[in-house]
Amino acid sequence: MRLDGARRDGRLAHGLLFSGPRGIGKRHLVELLARSLLCGTPTAEGLACGRCADCALIAAESHPDLLRVGPDPEAKSDEIPIAAIRALVERGALTPSRAAWKVTVVDPADHLNAAAANALLKTLEEPPGAALIVLVTEQPGRLPATIRSRCRQIRIPTPRPADALTWLTGRIPAKDAALRLCLAHGGPLRALEELDEDLLRQRRERFDGFLAIARGERDPVVEAAAWNGLGARLCLDWLAGWMVDLVRLAASEHPIHLDNPDLRDALSGLARRLEPASAHRLLQRVLRARALVETRANPQLLLESLSIEWLRVGAGQAPGRS
């Protein structure tokens, strides 16, 4: 492992930024790195032994030299506030107490608010010798460029589909593996842990509601409430995928790729009657809403606005038609 070689040679950067899509294993890699740095008797391969006192403390989630910073689960906002970064420094978080390193994991790093990001930047600019700050994110572009520039960036790629399917074999039903991997955008851990049979059923129910709106058979406000009840982030991800596929199918009967291959027939029928410019505009609105829902925007209002717009677009109406 290149990171282990850098550690052995004394070249390990004090700031590391791990990024990549959800469900590809980057957090597992960060955990392996942290455990290996804190282990008292690492293996010849540089991995944690799993048996020493330090490993026992890590397993018990009580190692004083492994700190985790993230949003407060009790707070209404999912931001990481400046208080969390200040507390990190005030607790002497950058000075090891028993291991050779002090490891701090900030996850998800893109949830740092502006004040917290500035406070973290000061620490990254003047890091002590034995401190390692690891940032983990799916959206590195949302981090200030000043923070990105002070970290060694480690981009974890999506595995090849064949390799991911091989790994999934035996872990989930074979009949669902390819579809779940596709819906997880190639992330095998996401396919394994998130997209179970119950969630696939709920996705199908929400897609039926999506179709019913287009046919004028479902009140868009009622359907928006169902979306919000399931989770705005999740449903906006589904909506984005459906709209992307509709735009692809409107442009070509045989697109190279579909995000929702199991819904091809229903989406193809819809695509034939859509007004292309309106579909593109709605897709852009869905993508903007997906970003806004990460802020303090009201998710119910966002979803209602989109579902009402879909009622018009799904009926094949162009702007200005009644």
C-alpha atoms as a PDB file:
ATOM      1  CA  MET A   1       0.000   0.000   0.000  1.00  0.00           C
ATOM      2  CA  ARG A   2       1.435   3.385  -1.009  1.00  0.00           C
ATOM      3  CA  LEU A   3       0.131   5.039   2.161  1.00  0.00           C
ATOM      4  CA  ASP A   4       1.939   2.485   4.308  1.00  0.00           C
ATOM      5  CA  GLY A   5       5.140   3.088   2.348  1.00  0.00           C
ATOM      6  CA  ALA A   6       4.784   6.838   2.891  1.00  0.00           C
ATOM      7  CA  ARG A   7       4.335   6.255   6.603  1.00  0.00           C
ATOM      8  CA  ARG A   8       7.383   4.018   6.821  1.00  0.00           C
ATOM      9  CA  ASP A   9       9.480   6.606   4.953  1.00  0.00           C
ATOM     10  CA  GLY A  10       8.207   9.512   7.053  1.00  0.00           C
ATOM     11  CA  ARG A  11       6.445  11.061   4.047  1.00  0.00           C
ATOM     12  CA  LEU A  12       2.834  10.693   5.166  1.00  0.00           C
ATOM     13  CA  ALA A  13       1.014  13.981   4.647  1.00  0.00           C
ATOM     14  CA  HIS A  14      -0.669  15.508   7.694  1.00  0.00           C
ATOM     15  CA  GLY A  15      -3.858  16.083   5.717  1.00  0.00           C
ATOM     16  CA  LEU A  16      -5.459  13.376   3.577  1.00  0.00           C
ATOM     17  CA  LEU A  17      -8.624  13.831   1.518  1.00  0.00           C
ATOM     18  CA  PHE A  18     -10.362  10.590   0.526  1.00  0.00           C
ATOM     19  CA  SER A  19     -13.090  11.037  -2.070  1.00  0.00           C
ATOM     20  CA  GLY A  20     -15.175   8.900  -4.377  1.00  0.00           C
ATOM     21  CA  PRO A  21     -18.775   7.780  -4.934  1.00  0.00           C
ATOM     22  CA  ARG A  22     -20.866   6.312  -2.140  1.00  0.00           C
ATOM     23  CA  GLY A  23     -20.489   2.659  -1.346  1.00  0.00           C
ATOM     24  CA  ILE A  24     -17.100   1.921  -2.900  1.00  0.00           C
ATOM     25  CA  GLY A  25     -15.203   1.289   0.350  1.00  0.00           C
ATOM     26  CA  LYS A  26     -13.325   4.535   1.004  1.00  0.00           C
ATOM     27  CA  ARG A  27     -14.451   4.646   4.645  1.00  0.00           C
ATOM     28  CA  HIS A  28     -13.325   1.054   5.093  1.00  0.00           C
ATOM     29  CA  LEU A  29      -9.911   2.061   3.725  1.00  0.00           C
ATOM     30  CA  VAL A  30      -9.750   5.054   6.100  1.00  0.00           C
ATOM     31  CA  GLU A  31     -10.593   2.768   9.024  1.00  0.00           C
ATOM     32  CA  LEU A  32      -7.838   0.337   8.044  1.00  0.00           C
ATOM     33  CA  LEU A  33      -5.361   3.216   7.828  1.00  0.00           C
ATOM     34  CA  ALA A  34      -6.331   4.638  11.224  1.00  0.00           C
ATOM     35  CA  ARG A  35      -6.147   1.246  12.905  1.00  0.00           C
ATOM     36  CA  SER A  36      -2.758   0.507  11.375  1.00  0.00           C
ATOM     37  CA  LEU A  37      -1.332   3.844  12.577  1.00  0.00           C
ATOM     38  CA  LEU A  38      -2.529   3.328  16.139  1.00  0.00           C
ATOM     39  CA  CYS A  39      -1.763  -0.390  16.471  1.00  0.00           C
ATOM     40  CA  GLY A  40       1.112  -1.165  18.831  1.00  0.00           C
ATOM     41  CA  THR A  41       2.264  -4.231  16.896  1.00  0.00           C
ATOM     42  CA  PRO A  42       1.269  -3.906  13.212  1.00  0.00           C
ATOM     43  CA  THR A  43       1.757  -6.852  10.878  1.00  0.00           C
ATOM     44  CA  ALA A  44       4.524  -7.084   8.280  1.00  0.00           C
ATOM     45  CA  GLU A  45       2.000  -5.781   5.730  1.00  0.00           C
ATOM     46  CA  GLY A  46       1.406  -2.704   7.881  1.00  0.00           C
ATOM     47  CA  LEU A  47      -2.094  -3.696   9.000  1.00  0.00           C
ATOM     48  CA  ALA A  48      -3.410  -3.595  12.569  1.00  0.00           C
ATOM     49  CA  CYS A  49      -2.818  -6.799  14.494  1.00  0.00           C
ATOM     50  CA  GLY A  50      -6.270  -6.791  16.095  1.00  0.00           C
ATOM     51  CA  ARG A  51      -4.898  -8.196  19.357  1.00  0.00           C
ATOM     52  CA  CYS A  52      -2.894  -5.488  21.159  1.00  0.00           C
ATOM     53  CA  ALA A  53      -4.213  -3.044  23.769  1.00  0.00           C
ATOM     54  CA  ASP A  54      -4.530  -0.255  21.208  1.00  0.00           C
ATOM     55  CA  CYS A  55      -6.581  -2.445  18.897  1.00  0.00           C
ATOM     56  CA  ALA A  56      -8.816  -3.385  21.823  1.00  0.00           C
ATOM     57  CA  LEU A  57      -9.408   0.299  22.592  1.00  0.00           C
ATOM     58  CA  ILE A  58     -10.251   0.985  18.948  1.00  0.00           C
ATOM     59  CA  ALA A  59     -12.707  -1.906  18.920  1.00  0.00           C
ATOM     60  CA  ALA A  60     -14.328  -0.482  22.053  1.00  0.00           C
ATOM     61  CA  GLU A  61     -14.478   2.951  20.376  1.00  0.00           C
ATOM     62  CA  SER A  62     -12.508   4.452  23.274  1.00  0.00           C
ATOM     63  CA  HIS A  63      -9.003   4.990  21.888  1.00  0.00           C
ATOM     64  CA  PRO A  64      -7.910   8.509  22.948  1.00  0.00           C
ATOM     65  CA  ASP A  65      -5.879   9.006  19.774  1.00  0.00           C
ATOM     66  CA  LEU A  66      -8.699   8.265  17.318  1.00  0.00           C
ATOM     67  CA  LEU A  67     -11.197  11.100  17.077  1.00  0.00           C
ATOM     68  CA  ARG A  68     -14.182  11.408  14.781  1.00  0.00           C
ATOM     69  CA  VAL A  69     -15.806  14.684  13.782  1.00  0.00           C
ATOM     70  CA  GLY A  70     -19.175  14.837  12.053  1.00  0.00           C
ATOM     71  CA  PRO A  71     -22.609  16.454  12.249  1.00  0.00           C
ATOM     72  CA  ASP A  72     -24.310  16.429  15.639  1.00  0.00           C
ATOM     73  CA  PRO A  73     -27.008  13.722  15.405  1.00  0.00           C
ATOM     74  CA  GLU A  74     -29.125  15.678  17.901  1.00  0.00           C
ATOM     75  CA  ALA A  75     -29.016  18.915  15.901  1.00  0.00           C
ATOM     76  CA  LYS A  76     -31.581  19.926  13.288  1.00  0.00           C
ATOM     77  CA  SER A  77     -28.831  20.823  10.819  1.00  0.00           C
ATOM     78  CA  ASP A  78     -26.482  18.243   9.346  1.00  0.00           C
ATOM     79  CA  GLU A  79     -23.655  20.779   9.206  1.00  0.00           C
ATOM     80  CA  ILE A  80     -20.396  20.351  11.087  1.00  0.00           C
ATOM     81  CA  PRO A  81     -20.202  23.559  13.175  1.00  0.00           C
ATOM     82  CA  ILE A  82     -17.147  25.537  14.184  1.00  0.00           C
ATOM     83  CA  ALA A  83     -17.656  24.396  17.777  1.00  0.00           C
ATOM     84  CA  ALA A  84     -16.735  20.847  16.731  1.00  0.00           C
ATOM     85  CA  ILE A  85     -13.414  22.010  15.288  1.00  0.00           C
ATOM     86  CA  ARG A  86     -12.678  24.270  18.248  1.00  0.00           C
ATOM     87  CA  ALA A  87     -13.361  21.425  20.641  1.00  0.00           C
ATOM     88  CA  LEU A  88     -10.967  19.292  18.662  1.00  0.00           C
ATOM     89  CA  VAL A  89      -8.108  21.695  19.306  1.00  0.00           C
ATOM     90  CA  GLU A  90      -9.084  22.552  22.874  1.00  0.00           C
ATOM     91  CA  ARG A  91      -9.052  18.879  23.857  1.00  0.00           C
ATOM     92  CA  GLY A  92      -5.467  18.626  22.758  1.00  0.00           C
ATOM     93  CA  ALA A  93      -6.669  16.533  19.865  1.00  0.00           C
ATOM     94  CA  LEU A  94      -3.503  17.101  17.872  1.00  0.00           C
ATOM     95  CA  THR A  95      -1.154  15.627  20.480  1.00  0.00           C
ATOM     96  CA  PRO A  96      -0.968  11.818  20.853  1.00  0.00           C
ATOM     97  CA  SER A  97      -1.570  10.492  24.335  1.00  0.00           C
ATOM     98  CA  ARG A  98      -0.458   6.861  23.924  1.00  0.00           C
ATOM     99  CA  ALA A  99       0.093   5.990  20.269  1.00  0.00           C
ATOM    100  CA  ALA A 100       2.628   7.363  17.804  1.00  0.00           C
ATOM    101  CA  TRP A 101      -0.095   9.299  15.968  1.00  0.00           C
ATOM    102  CA  LYS A 102      -3.211  11.286  16.706  1.00  0.00           C
ATOM    103  CA  VAL A 103      -5.749  10.511  13.972  1.00  0.00           C
ATOM    104  CA  THR A 104      -8.804  12.695  13.401  1.00  0.00           C
ATOM    105  CA  VAL A 105     -11.432  11.644  10.850  1.00  0.00           C
ATOM    106  CA  VAL A 106     -13.744  14.388   9.539  1.00  0.00           C
ATOM    107  CA  ASP A 107     -16.712  12.763   7.793  1.00  0.00           C
ATOM    108  CA  PRO A 108     -18.508  13.913   5.712  1.00  0.00           C
ATOM    109  CA  ALA A 109     -16.033  16.754   5.255  1.00  0.00           C
ATOM    110  CA  ASP A 110     -18.253  18.616   2.770  1.00  0.00           C
ATOM    111  CA  HIS A 111     -20.690  19.250   5.647  1.00  0.00           C
ATOM    112  CA  LEU A 112     -18.251  21.646   7.334  1.00  0.00           C
ATOM    113  CA  ASN A 113     -19.883  25.052   7.496  1.00  0.00           C
ATOM    114  CA  ALA A 114     -17.848  28.075   6.401  1.00  0.00           C
ATOM    115  CA  ALA A 115     -16.613  28.956   9.894  1.00  0.00           C
ATOM    116  CA  ALA A 116     -15.660  25.355  10.656  1.00  0.00           C
ATOM    117  CA  ALA A 117     -13.808  25.044   7.342  1.00  0.00           C
ATOM    118  CA  ASN A 118     -11.804  28.179   8.134  1.00  0.00           C
ATOM    119  CA  ALA A 119     -10.931  26.864  11.588  1.00  0.00           C
ATOM    120  CA  LEU A 120      -9.818  23.532  10.125  1.00  0.00           C
ATOM    121  CA  LEU A 121      -7.755  25.331   7.489  1.00  0.00           C
ATOM    122  CA  LYS A 122      -5.655  27.000  10.181  1.00  0.00           C
ATOM    123  CA  THR A 123      -4.854  23.600  11.648  1.00  0.00           C
ATOM    124  CA  LEU A 124      -3.961  22.171   8.239  1.00  0.00           C
ATOM    125  CA  GLU A 125      -1.668  25.124   7.578  1.00  0.00           C
ATOM    126  CA  GLU A 126       0.366  24.493  10.750  1.00  0.00           C
ATOM    127  CA  PRO A 127       0.038  20.762  11.524  1.00  0.00           C
ATOM    128  CA  PRO A 128       2.055  19.264  14.391  1.00  0.00           C
ATOM    129  CA  GLY A 129       4.369  16.408  13.527  1.00  0.00           C
ATOM    130  CA  ALA A 130       2.334  13.549  14.939  1.00  0.00           C
ATOM    131  CA  ALA A 131      -1.149  14.552  13.807  1.00  0.00           C
ATOM    132  CA  LEU A 132      -3.067  13.151  10.859  1.00  0.00           C
ATOM    133  CA  ILE A 133      -6.335  14.740   9.754  1.00  0.00           C
ATOM    134  CA  VAL A 134      -8.346  12.599   7.348  1.00  0.00           C
ATOM    135  CA  LEU A 135     -11.234  14.120   5.423  1.00  0.00           C
ATOM    136  CA  VAL A 136     -13.809  11.857   3.761  1.00  0.00           C
ATOM    137  CA  THR A 137     -16.352  13.048   1.203  1.00  0.00           C
ATOM    138  CA  GLU A 138     -18.431  12.090  -1.804  1.00  0.00           C
ATOM    139  CA  GLN A 139     -18.346  15.699  -3.019  1.00  0.00           C
ATOM    140  CA  PRO A 140     -14.826  17.141  -2.818  1.00  0.00           C
ATOM    141  CA  GLY A 141     -15.875  20.082  -4.987  1.00  0.00           C
ATOM    142  CA  ARG A 142     -17.966  21.407  -2.113  1.00  0.00           C
ATOM    143  CA  LEU A 143     -14.846  21.838   0.008  1.00  0.00           C
ATOM    144  CA  PRO A 144     -12.953  25.152  -0.210  1.00  0.00           C
ATOM    145  CA  ALA A 145     -10.060  25.008  -2.656  1.00  0.00           C
ATOM    146  CA  THR A 146      -7.748  26.144   0.151  1.00  0.00           C
ATOM    147  CA  ILE A 147      -8.517  22.991   2.144  1.00  0.00           C
ATOM    148  CA  ARG A 148      -8.182  20.711  -0.879  1.00  0.00           C
ATOM    149  CA  SER A 149      -4.806  22.230  -1.720  1.00  0.00           C
ATOM    150  CA  ARG A 150      -3.444  21.474   1.747  1.00  0.00           C
ATOM    151  CA  CYS A 151      -4.343  17.803   1.646  1.00  0.00           C
ATOM    152  CA  ARG A 152      -2.998  14.896  -0.314  1.00  0.00           C
ATOM    153  CA  GLN A 153      -6.000  13.949  -2.414  1.00  0.00           C
ATOM    154  CA  ILE A 154      -6.788  10.255  -2.744  1.00  0.00           C
ATOM    155  CA  ARG A 155      -9.553   9.528  -5.232  1.00  0.00           C
ATOM    156  CA  ILE A 156     -11.023   6.043  -4.842  1.00  0.00           C
ATOM    157  CA  PRO A 157     -12.391   4.847  -8.207  1.00  0.00           C
ATOM    158  CA  THR A 158     -15.566   2.886  -8.778  1.00  0.00           C
ATOM    159  CA  PRO A 159     -14.663  -0.792  -9.248  1.00  0.00           C
ATOM    160  CA  ARG A 160     -15.239  -2.500 -12.568  1.00  0.00           C
ATOM    161  CA  PRO A 161     -18.792  -3.909 -12.750  1.00  0.00           C
ATOM    162  CA  ALA A 162     -17.520  -7.469 -13.245  1.00  0.00           C
ATOM    163  CA  ASP A 163     -15.342  -7.235 -10.131  1.00  0.00           C
ATOM    164  CA  ALA A 164     -18.158  -5.702  -8.093  1.00  0.00           C
ATOM    165  CA  LEU A 165     -20.617  -8.400  -9.189  1.00  0.00           C
ATOM    166  CA  THR A 166     -18.105 -11.097  -8.276  1.00  0.00           C
ATOM    167  CA  TRP A 167     -17.764  -9.573  -4.814  1.00  0.00           C
ATOM    168  CA  LEU A 168     -21.555  -9.367  -4.400  1.00  0.00           C
ATOM    169  CA  THR A 169     -22.038 -13.025  -5.373  1.00  0.00           C
ATOM    170  CA  GLY A 170     -23.262 -14.952  -2.372  1.00  0.00           C
ATOM    171  CA  ARG A 171     -23.944 -11.794  -0.381  1.00  0.00           C
ATOM    172  CA  ILE A 172     -27.242 -10.851  -2.051  1.00  0.00           C
ATOM    173  CA  PRO A 173     -29.701 -12.768  -4.251  1.00  0.00           C
ATOM    174  CA  ALA A 174     -28.172 -13.318  -7.682  1.00  0.00           C
ATOM    175  CA  LYS A 175     -31.374 -12.154  -9.425  1.00  0.00           C
ATOM    176  CA  ASP A 176     -31.041  -8.706  -7.824  1.00  0.00           C
ATOM    177  CA  ALA A 177     -27.278  -8.211  -7.939  1.00  0.00           C
ATOM    178  CA  ALA A 178     -26.922  -6.508 -11.335  1.00  0.00           C
ATOM    179  CA  LEU A 179     -29.907  -4.201 -10.792  1.00  0.00           C
ATOM    180  CA  ARG A 180     -28.862  -3.247  -7.261  1.00  0.00           C
ATOM    181  CA  LEU A 181     -25.333  -2.488  -8.456  1.00  0.00           C
ATOM    182  CA  CYS A 182     -26.699  -0.317 -11.267  1.00  0.00           C
ATOM    183  CA  LEU A 183     -29.001   1.593  -8.885  1.00  0.00           C
ATOM    184  CA  ALA A 184     -26.046   2.045  -6.532  1.00  0.00           C
ATOM    185  CA  HIS A 185     -24.104   3.689  -9.385  1.00  0.00           C
ATOM    186  CA  GLY A 186     -21.480   0.957  -9.220  1.00  0.00           C
ATOM    187  CA  GLY A 187     -20.919   1.079  -5.444  1.00  0.00           C
ATOM    188  CA  PRO A 188     -20.916  -2.544  -4.212  1.00  0.00           C
ATOM    189  CA  LEU A 189     -21.185  -1.641  -0.524  1.00  0.00           C
ATOM    190  CA  ARG A 190     -24.124   0.625  -1.272  1.00  0.00           C
ATOM    191  CA  ALA A 191     -25.756  -2.170  -3.266  1.00  0.00           C
ATOM    192  CA  LEU A 192     -25.231  -4.544  -0.336  1.00  0.00           C
ATOM    193  CA  GLU A 193     -26.194  -2.320   2.576  1.00  0.00           C
ATOM    194  CA  GLU A 194     -28.837   0.074   1.246  1.00  0.00           C
ATOM    195  CA  LEU A 195     -30.753  -1.483  -1.619  1.00  0.00           C
ATOM    196  CA  ASP A 196     -32.521  -4.359   0.074  1.00  0.00           C
ATOM    197  CA  GLU A 197     -35.763  -5.910  -1.152  1.00  0.00           C
ATOM    198  CA  ASP A 198     -37.906  -3.548   0.936  1.00  0.00           C
ATOM    199  CA  LEU A 199     -36.266  -0.462  -0.548  1.00  0.00           C
ATOM    200  CA  LEU A 200     -36.615  -1.873  -4.069  1.00  0.00           C
ATOM    201  CA  ARG A 201     -40.329  -2.372  -3.376  1.00  0.00           C
ATOM    202  CA  GLN A 202     -40.683   1.219  -2.148  1.00  0.00           C
ATOM    203  CA  ARG A 203     -38.834   2.482  -5.203  1.00  0.00           C
ATOM    204  CA  ARG A 204     -41.309   0.648  -7.440  1.00  0.00           C
ATOM    205  CA  GLU A 205     -44.240   2.116  -5.510  1.00  0.00           C
ATOM    206  CA  ARG A 206     -42.880   5.644  -5.886  1.00  0.00           C
ATOM    207  CA  PHE A 207     -42.254   5.047  -9.595  1.00  0.00           C
ATOM    208  CA  ASP A 208     -45.877   3.934  -9.966  1.00  0.00           C
ATOM    209  CA  GLY A 209     -46.868   7.216  -8.311  1.00  0.00           C
ATOM    210  CA  PHE A 210     -44.565   9.081 -10.708  1.00  0.00           C
ATOM    211  CA  LEU A 211     -46.346   7.437 -13.656  1.00  0.00           C
ATOM    212  CA  ALA A 212     -49.769   8.136 -12.134  1.00  0.00           C
ATOM    213  CA  ILE A 213     -49.001  11.861 -11.894  1.00  0.00           C
ATOM    214  CA  ALA A 214     -48.124  11.915 -15.602  1.00  0.00           C
ATOM    215  CA  ARG A 215     -51.455  10.239 -16.388  1.00  0.00           C
ATOM    216  CA  GLY A 216     -53.353  12.735 -14.229  1.00  0.00           C
ATOM    217  CA  GLU A 217     -54.427   9.952 -11.874  1.00  0.00           C
ATOM    218  CA  ARG A 218     -52.503  11.049  -8.774  1.00  0.00           C
ATOM    219  CA  ASP A 219     -52.535  14.317  -6.864  1.00  0.00           C
ATOM    220  CA  PRO A 220     -48.950  15.611  -7.134  1.00  0.00           C
ATOM    221  CA  VAL A 221     -49.057  17.111  -3.633  1.00  0.00           C
ATOM    222  CA  VAL A 222     -50.117  13.759  -2.159  1.00  0.00           C
ATOM    223  CA  GLU A 223     -47.314  11.995  -4.019  1.00  0.00           C
ATOM    224  CA  ALA A 224     -44.811  14.638  -2.862  1.00  0.00           C
ATOM    225  CA  ALA A 225     -45.816  13.877   0.720  1.00  0.00           C
ATOM    226  CA  ALA A 226     -45.088  10.189   0.095  1.00  0.00           C
ATOM    227  CA  TRP A 227     -41.687  11.105  -1.346  1.00  0.00           C
ATOM    228  CA  ASN A 228     -40.882  13.261   1.657  1.00  0.00           C
ATOM    229  CA  GLY A 229     -42.012  10.546   4.046  1.00  0.00           C
ATOM    230  CA  LEU A 230     -39.557   8.127   2.508  1.00  0.00           C
ATOM    231  CA  GLY A 231     -36.764  10.703   2.529  1.00  0.00           C
ATOM    232  CA  ALA A 232     -36.233  13.697   0.262  1.00  0.00           C
ATOM    233  CA  ARG A 233     -32.595  12.893  -0.535  1.00  0.00           C
ATOM    234  CA  LEU A 234     -33.388   9.339  -1.580  1.00  0.00           C
ATOM    235  CA  CYS A 235     -36.428  10.259  -3.668  1.00  0.00           C
ATOM    236  CA  LEU A 236     -34.621  13.130  -5.376  1.00  0.00           C
ATOM    237  CA  ASP A 237     -31.902  10.664  -6.336  1.00  0.00           C
ATOM    238  CA  TRP A 238     -34.562   8.400  -7.831  1.00  0.00           C
ATOM    239  CA  LEU A 239     -36.288  11.322  -9.573  1.00  0.00           C
ATOM    240  CA  ALA A 240     -32.995  12.455 -11.067  1.00  0.00           C
ATOM    241  CA  GLY A 241     -32.355   8.942 -12.394  1.00  0.00           C
ATOM    242  CA  TRP A 242     -35.820   8.672 -13.925  1.00  0.00           C
ATOM    243  CA  MET A 243     -35.540  12.085 -15.568  1.00  0.00           C
ATOM    244  CA  VAL A 244     -32.044  11.372 -16.910  1.00  0.00           C
ATOM    245  CA  ASP A 245     -33.285   8.131 -18.461  1.00  0.00           C
ATOM    246  CA  LEU A 246     -36.313   9.903 -19.948  1.00  0.00           C
ATOM    247  CA  VAL A 247     -34.050  12.466 -21.600  1.00  0.00           C
ATOM    248  CA  ARG A 248     -31.803   9.680 -22.914  1.00  0.00           C
ATOM    249  CA  LEU A 249     -34.758   7.732 -24.312  1.00  0.00           C
ATOM    250  CA  ALA A 250     -36.236  10.864 -25.876  1.00  0.00           C
ATOM    251  CA  ALA A 251     -32.949  11.331 -27.743  1.00  0.00           C
ATOM    252  CA  SER A 252     -32.485   7.671 -28.729  1.00  0.00           C
ATOM    253  CA  GLU A 253     -34.570   4.518 -28.615  1.00  0.00           C
ATOM    254  CA  HIS A 254     -31.446   2.557 -27.743  1.00  0.00           C
ATOM    255  CA  PRO A 255     -29.272   4.595 -25.366  1.00  0.00           C
ATOM    256  CA  ILE A 256     -25.923   3.096 -24.383  1.00  0.00           C
ATOM    257  CA  HIS A 257     -26.771   3.215 -20.678  1.00  0.00           C
ATOM    258  CA  LEU A 258     -29.835   3.571 -18.465  1.00  0.00           C
ATOM    259  CA  ASP A 259     -29.754   4.202 -14.739  1.00  0.00           C
ATOM    260  CA  ASN A 260     -32.989   2.207 -14.391  1.00  0.00           C
ATOM    261  CA  PRO A 261     -32.829  -0.678 -16.878  1.00  0.00           C
ATOM    262  CA  ASP A 262     -35.711  -2.516 -15.207  1.00  0.00           C
ATOM    263  CA  LEU A 263     -38.033   0.425 -15.967  1.00  0.00           C
ATOM    264  CA  ARG A 264     -37.087   0.743 -19.657  1.00  0.00           C
ATOM    265  CA  ASP A 265     -40.505  -0.118 -21.121  1.00  0.00           C
ATOM    266  CA  ALA A 266     -42.484   2.298 -18.931  1.00  0.00           C
ATOM    267  CA  LEU A 267     -39.926   5.066 -19.388  1.00  0.00           C
ATOM    268  CA  SER A 268     -39.824   4.541 -23.160  1.00  0.00           C
ATOM    269  CA  GLY A 269     -43.575   5.036 -23.384  1.00  0.00           C
ATOM    270  CA  LEU A 270     -43.338   8.240 -21.398  1.00  0.00           C
ATOM    271  CA  ALA A 271     -40.368   9.556 -23.370  1.00  0.00           C
ATOM    272  CA  ARG A 272     -42.254   9.385 -26.660  1.00  0.00           C
ATOM    273  CA  ARG A 273     -44.759  12.006 -25.529  1.00  0.00           C
ATOM    274  CA  LEU A 274     -42.492  14.364 -23.602  1.00  0.00           C
ATOM    275  CA  GLU A 275     -41.659  17.844 -24.841  1.00  0.00           C
ATOM    276  CA  PRO A 276     -37.818  17.621 -24.807  1.00  0.00           C
ATOM    277  CA  ALA A 277     -37.049  21.181 -23.687  1.00  0.00           C
ATOM    278  CA  SER A 278     -39.490  20.880 -20.779  1.00  0.00           C
ATOM    279  CA  ALA A 279     -37.987  17.559 -19.725  1.00  0.00           C
ATOM    280  CA  HIS A 280     -34.493  19.059 -19.750  1.00  0.00           C
ATOM    281  CA  ARG A 281     -35.628  22.017 -17.657  1.00  0.00           C
ATOM    282  CA  LEU A 282     -37.306  19.760 -15.112  1.00  0.00           C
ATOM    283  CA  LEU A 283     -34.188  17.590 -14.909  1.00  0.00           C
ATOM    284  CA  GLN A 284     -32.131  20.687 -14.100  1.00  0.00           C
ATOM    285  CA  ARG A 285     -34.628  21.645 -11.398  1.00  0.00           C
ATOM    286  CA  VAL A 286     -34.406  18.174  -9.862  1.00  0.00           C
ATOM    287  CA  LEU A 287     -30.607  18.357  -9.818  1.00  0.00           C
ATOM    288  CA  ARG A 288     -30.711  21.796  -8.179  1.00  0.00           C
ATOM    289  CA  ALA A 289     -33.218  20.519  -5.615  1.00  0.00           C
ATOM    290  CA  ARG A 290     -30.920  17.602  -4.831  1.00  0.00           C
ATOM    291  CA  ALA A 291     -28.208  20.114  -3.937  1.00  0.00           C
ATOM    292  CA  LEU A 292     -30.606  22.405  -2.039  1.00  0.00           C
ATOM    293  CA  VAL A 293     -31.931  19.613   0.148  1.00  0.00           C
ATOM    294  CA  GLU A 294     -28.455  19.426   1.695  1.00  0.00           C
ATOM    295  CA  THR A 295     -29.072  22.953   3.020  1.00  0.00           C
ATOM    296  CA  ARG A 296     -31.888  24.210   5.191  1.00  0.00           C
ATOM    297  CA  ALA A 297     -34.370  24.368   2.315  1.00  0.00           C
ATOM    298  CA  ASN A 298     -37.834  22.982   3.078  1.00  0.00           C
ATOM    299  CA  PRO A 299     -37.833  19.518   1.440  1.00  0.00           C
ATOM    300  CA  GLN A 300     -41.637  19.228   1.348  1.00  0.00           C
ATOM    301  CA  LEU A 301     -41.974  22.470  -0.611  1.00  0.00           C
ATOM    302  CA  LEU A 302     -39.186  21.444  -2.989  1.00  0.00           C
ATOM    303  CA  LEU A 303     -40.857  18.108  -3.692  1.00  0.00           C
ATOM    304  CA  GLU A 304     -44.313  19.650  -4.119  1.00  0.00           C
ATOM    305  CA  SER A 305     -42.962  22.149  -6.635  1.00  0.00           C
ATOM    306  CA  LEU A 306     -41.267  19.393  -8.631  1.00  0.00           C
ATOM    307  CA  SER A 307     -44.268  17.051  -8.590  1.00  0.00           C
ATOM    308  CA  ILE A 308     -46.604  19.837  -9.768  1.00  0.00           C
ATOM    309  CA  GLU A 309     -44.155  20.660 -12.569  1.00  0.00           C
ATOM    310  CA  TRP A 310     -43.973  16.956 -13.466  1.00  0.00           C
ATOM    311  CA  LEU A 311     -47.777  16.883 -13.807  1.00  0.00           C
ATOM    312  CA  ARG A 312     -47.414  19.370 -16.683  1.00  0.00           C
ATOM    313  CA  VAL A 313     -44.249  17.927 -18.213  1.00  0.00           C
ATOM    314  CA  GLY A 314     -45.455  14.322 -17.937  1.00  0.00           C
ATOM    315  CA  ALA A 315     -48.578  15.243 -19.884  1.00  0.00           C
ATOM    316  CA  GLY A 316     -46.361  16.389 -22.765  1.00  0.00           C
ATOM    317  CA  GLN A 317     -47.118  20.078 -22.326  1.00  0.00           C
ATOM    318  CA  ALA A 318     -44.645  22.687 -23.484  1.00  0.00           C
ATOM    319  CA  PRO A 319     -44.181  25.966 -21.589  1.00  0.00           C
ATOM    320  CA  GLY A 320     -47.154  28.243 -21.929  1.00  0.00           C
ATOM    321  CA  ARG A 321     -49.687  25.481 -22.694  1.00  0.00           C
ATOM    322  CA  SER A 322     -52.680  25.148 -20.408  1.00  0.00           C
END
